[in-house]
Amino acid sequence: MKKINFKSKFKKFSDKWSPKVIEEMNDYQFKLAKIKDNFTWHSHPETDETFIVIKGEIEIEFRDGIVKVKEGEIFVVPAGVEHKPMSYKESQIMLIEPKGV
C-alpha cells in the first residue's frame, strides 16, 4: 500500500498531452496529464472517459456544445461520444480509463 502526492508527480514531467500512469485498480488506470491548447477529435467506442481537473480549467467540445470543467470538478464522457478536450492555459488533469486506452 502506498499513497501518491499529485503535486510531486506533476513536478516530474513537463510534456503536454502525454498521460502518465500513476496507479492501477482492477482493470483501470489513473493517469495524470498536463494539457494546453487543443487535442484532436476522438471517441472511445468501448468505454467512458473520466476527466478530473486538479488545477486550472478545461473545455470539452462536443459536436453540439461545450462543457467547461473547473478545478475540483469531474466530468465523464460517455462511451462512443466524439469529443475534443482543450485548455487555454496549462491545466493539470487526472484521467481514469481502462487499461489499454
C-alpha atoms as a PDB file:
ATOM      1  CA  MET A   1       0.000   0.000   0.000  1.00  0.00           C
ATOM      2  CA  LYS A   2       1.225   3.469  -0.841  1.00  0.00           C
ATOM      3  CA  LYS A   3      -0.095   6.971  -1.055  1.00  0.00           C
ATOM      4  CA  ILE A   4       0.549   9.239  -4.019  1.00  0.00           C
ATOM      5  CA  ASN A   5       1.008  13.002  -3.950  1.00  0.00           C
ATOM      6  CA  PHE A   6      -0.302  14.670  -7.103  1.00  0.00           C
ATOM      7  CA  LYS A   7       1.882  17.794  -6.775  1.00  0.00           C
ATOM      8  CA  SER A   8       5.086  15.774  -6.594  1.00  0.00           C
ATOM      9  CA  LYS A   9       4.042  13.645  -9.577  1.00  0.00           C
ATOM     10  CA  PHE A  10       3.210  16.705 -11.711  1.00  0.00           C
ATOM     11  CA  LYS A  11       6.680  18.152 -10.934  1.00  0.00           C
ATOM     12  CA  LYS A  12       8.305  15.143 -12.605  1.00  0.00           C
ATOM     13  CA  PHE A  13       7.209  15.966 -16.160  1.00  0.00           C
ATOM     14  CA  SER A  14       6.526  18.946 -18.417  1.00  0.00           C
ATOM     15  CA  ASP A  15       5.259  17.441 -21.673  1.00  0.00           C
ATOM     16  CA  LYS A  16       1.662  18.078 -22.682  1.00  0.00           C
ATOM     17  CA  TRP A  17      -0.988  15.566 -23.746  1.00  0.00           C
ATOM     18  CA  SER A  18       1.110  12.620 -22.587  1.00  0.00           C
ATOM     19  CA  PRO A  19      -0.735  10.949 -19.678  1.00  0.00           C
ATOM     20  CA  LYS A  20       1.412   9.229 -17.050  1.00  0.00           C
ATOM     21  CA  VAL A  21       0.020   6.176 -15.252  1.00  0.00           C
ATOM     22  CA  ILE A  22       0.339   6.704 -11.502  1.00  0.00           C
ATOM     23  CA  GLU A  23      -1.767   3.823 -10.171  1.00  0.00           C
ATOM     24  CA  GLU A  24      -3.950   0.913 -11.191  1.00  0.00           C
ATOM     25  CA  MET A  25      -7.114  -0.516  -9.665  1.00  0.00           C
ATOM     26  CA  ASN A  26      -8.644  -3.698 -11.035  1.00  0.00           C
ATOM     27  CA  ASP A  27      -8.709  -3.108 -14.800  1.00  0.00           C
ATOM     28  CA  TYR A  28      -8.468   0.695 -14.537  1.00  0.00           C
ATOM     29  CA  GLN A  29      -5.570   3.122 -14.680  1.00  0.00           C
ATOM     30  CA  PHE A  30      -5.281   6.511 -13.026  1.00  0.00           C
ATOM     31  CA  LYS A  31      -3.316   8.882 -15.257  1.00  0.00           C
ATOM     32  CA  LEU A  32      -2.018  12.410 -14.733  1.00  0.00           C
ATOM     33  CA  ALA A  33      -1.537  14.798 -17.645  1.00  0.00           C
ATOM     34  CA  LYS A  34      -0.660  18.392 -18.287  1.00  0.00           C
ATOM     35  CA  ILE A  35      -2.659  19.870 -21.128  1.00  0.00           C
ATOM     36  CA  LYS A  36      -2.666  23.126 -23.072  1.00  0.00           C
ATOM     37  CA  ASP A  37      -4.287  24.112 -26.365  1.00  0.00           C
ATOM     38  CA  ASN A  38      -6.371  21.650 -28.409  1.00  0.00           C
ATOM     39  CA  PHE A  39      -6.316  17.888 -28.623  1.00  0.00           C
ATOM     40  CA  THR A  40      -7.814  16.022 -31.579  1.00  0.00           C
ATOM     41  CA  TRP A  41     -11.409  14.971 -32.087  1.00  0.00           C
ATOM     42  CA  HIS A  42     -11.761  11.395 -30.892  1.00  0.00           C
ATOM     43  CA  SER A  43     -14.026   8.896 -29.183  1.00  0.00           C
ATOM     44  CA  HIS A  44     -13.679   5.691 -27.204  1.00  0.00           C
ATOM     45  CA  PRO A  45     -16.267   3.250 -28.597  1.00  0.00           C
ATOM     46  CA  GLU A  46     -15.919   0.734 -25.771  1.00  0.00           C
ATOM     47  CA  THR A  47     -15.528   2.881 -22.651  1.00  0.00           C
ATOM     48  CA  ASP A  48     -16.391   6.101 -20.854  1.00  0.00           C
ATOM     49  CA  GLU A  49     -13.577   8.598 -20.199  1.00  0.00           C
ATOM     50  CA  THR A  50     -13.319  10.433 -16.884  1.00  0.00           C
ATOM     51  CA  PHE A  51     -11.703  13.886 -16.607  1.00  0.00           C
ATOM     52  CA  ILE A  52     -10.860  15.270 -13.156  1.00  0.00           C
ATOM     53  CA  VAL A  53      -9.390  18.783 -13.127  1.00  0.00           C
ATOM     54  CA  ILE A  54      -6.702  19.052 -10.455  1.00  0.00           C
ATOM     55  CA  LYS A  55      -5.501  22.541 -11.432  1.00  0.00           C
ATOM     56  CA  GLY A  56      -6.825  25.027 -13.975  1.00  0.00           C
ATOM     57  CA  GLU A  57      -9.876  24.780 -16.220  1.00  0.00           C
ATOM     58  CA  ILE A  58     -10.564  22.749 -19.336  1.00  0.00           C
ATOM     59  CA  GLU A  59     -13.212  22.706 -22.009  1.00  0.00           C
ATOM     60  CA  ILE A  60     -14.506  19.573 -23.656  1.00  0.00           C
ATOM     61  CA  GLU A  61     -16.022  20.326 -27.020  1.00  0.00           C
ATOM     62  CA  PHE A  62     -18.763  18.140 -28.456  1.00  0.00           C
ATOM     63  CA  ARG A  63     -20.361  18.370 -31.874  1.00  0.00           C
ATOM     64  CA  ASP A  64     -23.366  20.058 -30.231  1.00  0.00           C
ATOM     65  CA  GLY A  65     -21.766  22.168 -27.485  1.00  0.00           C
ATOM     66  CA  ILE A  66     -19.013  22.709 -24.937  1.00  0.00           C
ATOM     67  CA  VAL A  67     -18.682  21.699 -21.289  1.00  0.00           C
ATOM     68  CA  LYS A  68     -16.376  23.715 -19.027  1.00  0.00           C
ATOM     69  CA  VAL A  69     -14.781  21.704 -16.232  1.00  0.00           C
ATOM     70  CA  LYS A  70     -13.175  23.772 -13.481  1.00  0.00           C
ATOM     71  CA  GLU A  71     -10.588  22.961 -10.839  1.00  0.00           C
ATOM     72  CA  GLY A  72     -12.009  20.448  -8.389  1.00  0.00           C
ATOM     73  CA  GLU A  73     -14.654  19.163 -10.824  1.00  0.00           C
ATOM     74  CA  ILE A  74     -15.162  15.881 -12.641  1.00  0.00           C
ATOM     75  CA  PHE A  75     -16.821  15.087 -15.964  1.00  0.00           C
ATOM     76  CA  VAL A  76     -17.470  11.733 -17.613  1.00  0.00           C
ATOM     77  CA  VAL A  77     -17.658  11.499 -21.399  1.00  0.00           C
ATOM     78  CA  PRO A  78     -19.905   8.563 -22.324  1.00  0.00           C
ATOM     79  CA  ALA A  79     -18.547   5.754 -24.492  1.00  0.00           C
ATOM     80  CA  GLY A  80     -18.724   6.441 -28.207  1.00  0.00           C
ATOM     81  CA  VAL A  81     -19.257  10.210 -27.896  1.00  0.00           C
ATOM     82  CA  GLU A  82     -16.890  12.229 -30.078  1.00  0.00           C
ATOM     83  CA  HIS A  83     -15.134  14.983 -28.139  1.00  0.00           C
ATOM     84  CA  LYS A  84     -12.151  17.340 -28.201  1.00  0.00           C
ATOM     85  CA  PRO A  85     -10.614  18.472 -24.894  1.00  0.00           C
ATOM     86  CA  MET A  86      -8.657  21.722 -24.654  1.00  0.00           C
ATOM     87  CA  SER A  87      -7.266  24.265 -22.219  1.00  0.00           C
ATOM     88  CA  TYR A  88      -6.361  27.898 -22.879  1.00  0.00           C
ATOM     89  CA  LYS A  89      -3.699  27.839 -20.146  1.00  0.00           C
ATOM     90  CA  GLU A  90      -1.783  24.841 -18.849  1.00  0.00           C
ATOM     91  CA  SER A  91      -4.068  22.669 -16.742  1.00  0.00           C
ATOM     92  CA  GLN A  92      -3.395  19.546 -14.713  1.00  0.00           C
ATOM     93  CA  ILE A  93      -5.868  16.703 -15.018  1.00  0.00           C
ATOM     94  CA  MET A  94      -6.418  13.121 -13.970  1.00  0.00           C
ATOM     95  CA  LEU A  95      -7.892  10.600 -16.387  1.00  0.00           C
ATOM     96  CA  ILE A  96      -9.462   7.328 -15.285  1.00  0.00           C
ATOM     97  CA  GLU A  97      -9.611   4.768 -18.054  1.00  0.00           C
ATOM     98  CA  PRO A  98      -9.482   1.015 -18.555  1.00  0.00           C
ATOM     99  CA  LYS A  99      -6.016  -0.406 -19.193  1.00  0.00           C
ATOM    100  CA  GLY A 100      -5.011  -0.119 -22.820  1.00  0.00           C
ATOM    101  CA  VAL A 101      -6.934   3.061 -23.659  1.00  0.00           C
END
